[in-house]
Amino acid sequence: MSDVLVRVLVVLAVALMAAGVALLTRRTTTYHPPLDISGLELPSGLVVFTSTQCIRCKEVLAAAKSIDVPLREVTYELEPNLQERAGVVGVPLTVAIDESGNLVGQMAGVVGVRALRRAA
């Protein structure tokens, strides 16, 4: 093989590895401590805890509105006591509640339509 071809292949390999690392580091999992919703009388379906200053909250709400499930938004500026009583420390936070009022799923950060459908 010629020296030029080897150099081109090395540059391509390094570029592909850099792109792979960039994709892997971009995927982050957002964590939120488990909520205690007992006594809060939240409806069954999806409940999205938001803030008016949160751009990502709007993305989650748009995704949640695109599927056909009961949806309740709890905005910090309008209902701070409810978020504090539930133990919400970061938004957006989406929870799925069954017909009995039990928490069956909790997702922090931006959530896609497929994940919302699975949770609801």
Protein backbone atom coordinates (compact mmCIF):
# COMPACT_ATOMS: atom_id res chain seq x y z
CA MET A 1 0.00 0.00 0.00
CA SER A 2 1.18 3.47 -0.69
CA ASP A 3 2.09 5.85 2.10
CA VAL A 4 -0.63 8.31 1.05
CA LEU A 5 -3.36 5.65 1.20
CA VAL A 6 -2.28 4.57 4.70
CA ARG A 7 -2.39 8.17 5.92
CA VAL A 8 -5.88 8.69 4.45
CA LEU A 9 -7.12 5.51 6.13
CA VAL A 10 -5.64 6.58 9.48
CA VAL A 11 -7.29 10.00 9.23
CA LEU A 12 -10.63 8.38 8.37
CA ALA A 13 -10.33 5.95 11.29
CA VAL A 14 -9.56 8.77 13.73
CA ALA A 15 -12.47 10.84 12.39
CA LEU A 16 -14.89 7.90 12.78
CA MET A 17 -13.70 7.25 16.33
CA ALA A 18 -14.13 10.92 17.22
CA ALA A 19 -17.65 10.91 15.80
CA GLY A 20 -18.48 7.76 17.78
CA VAL A 21 -17.20 9.28 21.02
CA ALA A 22 -19.19 12.45 20.35
CA LEU A 23 -22.38 10.43 19.87
CA LEU A 24 -21.81 8.37 23.00
CA THR A 25 -21.12 11.38 25.22
CA ARG A 26 -24.18 13.15 23.85
CA ARG A 27 -26.47 10.44 25.19
CA THR A 28 -26.98 11.29 28.83
CA THR A 29 -29.44 9.82 31.26
CA THR A 30 -31.13 12.32 33.50
CA TYR A 31 -31.80 11.11 37.03
CA HIS A 32 -34.38 12.35 39.51
CA PRO A 33 -34.89 10.91 43.00
CA PRO A 34 -38.09 8.85 43.34
CA LEU A 35 -41.23 10.89 44.06
CA ASP A 36 -43.73 10.38 46.84
CA ILE A 37 -47.15 11.20 45.36
CA SER A 38 -49.19 9.70 48.19
CA GLY A 39 -51.91 12.08 49.32
CA LEU A 40 -51.49 14.46 46.37
CA GLU A 41 -54.64 13.33 44.54
CA LEU A 42 -53.09 13.48 41.09
CA PRO A 43 -55.21 12.09 38.23
CA SER A 44 -54.41 8.88 36.40
CA GLY A 45 -52.48 9.24 33.17
CA LEU A 46 -49.42 11.41 32.64
CA VAL A 47 -48.44 14.24 34.95
CA VAL A 48 -45.71 16.58 33.71
CA PHE A 49 -43.98 18.81 36.25
CA THR A 50 -42.79 21.97 34.48
CA SER A 51 -41.66 25.55 34.86
CA THR A 52 -42.55 28.52 32.68
CA GLN A 53 -38.83 29.21 32.14
CA CYS A 54 -38.10 25.68 30.88
CA ILE A 55 -37.74 25.21 27.12
CA ARG A 56 -37.35 21.44 27.45
CA CYS A 57 -40.64 21.31 29.36
CA LYS A 58 -42.41 22.61 26.27
CA GLU A 59 -40.88 19.79 24.21
CA VAL A 60 -42.15 17.18 26.65
CA LEU A 61 -45.62 18.74 26.76
CA ALA A 62 -45.83 18.79 22.96
CA ALA A 63 -44.91 15.10 22.83
CA ALA A 64 -47.40 14.25 25.59
CA LYS A 65 -50.19 16.17 23.85
CA SER A 66 -49.57 14.26 20.64
CA ILE A 67 -50.67 10.97 22.20
CA ASP A 68 -54.16 10.20 23.42
CA VAL A 69 -53.77 9.91 27.20
CA PRO A 70 -55.03 12.00 30.11
CA LEU A 71 -52.49 14.74 30.79
CA ARG A 72 -52.00 17.08 33.74
CA GLU A 73 -49.35 19.81 33.80
CA VAL A 74 -48.10 21.02 37.17
CA THR A 75 -46.25 24.31 36.66
CA TYR A 76 -43.90 25.42 39.44
CA GLU A 77 -44.83 29.09 39.21
CA LEU A 78 -48.53 28.25 39.59
CA GLU A 79 -48.35 25.31 42.02
CA PRO A 80 -45.02 25.41 43.88
CA ASN A 81 -46.42 23.68 46.96
CA LEU A 82 -47.56 20.67 44.95
CA GLN A 83 -44.14 20.23 43.37
CA GLU A 84 -42.40 20.63 46.72
CA ARG A 85 -44.74 18.15 48.46
CA ALA A 86 -44.09 15.61 45.71
CA GLY A 87 -40.33 16.08 46.05
CA VAL A 88 -39.70 17.49 42.57
CA VAL A 89 -36.19 18.92 42.37
CA GLY A 90 -35.87 19.34 38.60
CA VAL A 91 -38.03 19.78 35.54
CA PRO A 92 -39.21 18.50 33.17
CA LEU A 93 -40.31 15.45 35.12
CA THR A 94 -42.99 13.16 33.74
CA VAL A 95 -44.78 10.58 35.85
CA ALA A 96 -47.29 7.92 34.90
CA ILE A 97 -50.07 7.21 37.38
CA ASP A 98 -52.40 4.21 37.17
CA GLU A 99 -56.16 4.15 37.89
CA SER A 100 -55.50 3.35 41.57
CA GLY A 101 -53.35 6.47 41.98
CA ASN A 102 -50.06 4.57 42.15
CA LEU A 103 -46.89 5.85 40.52
CA VAL A 104 -45.98 3.38 37.76
CA GLY A 105 -43.26 5.30 35.95
CA GLN A 106 -41.05 8.34 36.31
CA MET A 107 -38.96 9.95 33.55
CA ALA A 108 -36.69 12.96 33.98
CA GLY A 109 -35.64 15.24 31.16
CA VAL A 110 -36.87 15.32 27.60
CA VAL A 111 -38.94 12.24 26.82
CA GLY A 112 -39.97 11.09 23.36
CA VAL A 113 -43.40 10.00 22.18
CA ARG A 114 -42.50 6.29 22.20
CA ALA A 115 -41.36 6.39 25.83
CA LEU A 116 -44.50 8.29 26.81
CA ARG A 117 -46.71 5.72 25.09
CA ARG A 118 -44.94 2.88 26.87
CA ALA A 119 -45.31 4.61 30.25
CA ALA A 120 -48.97 5.50 29.82
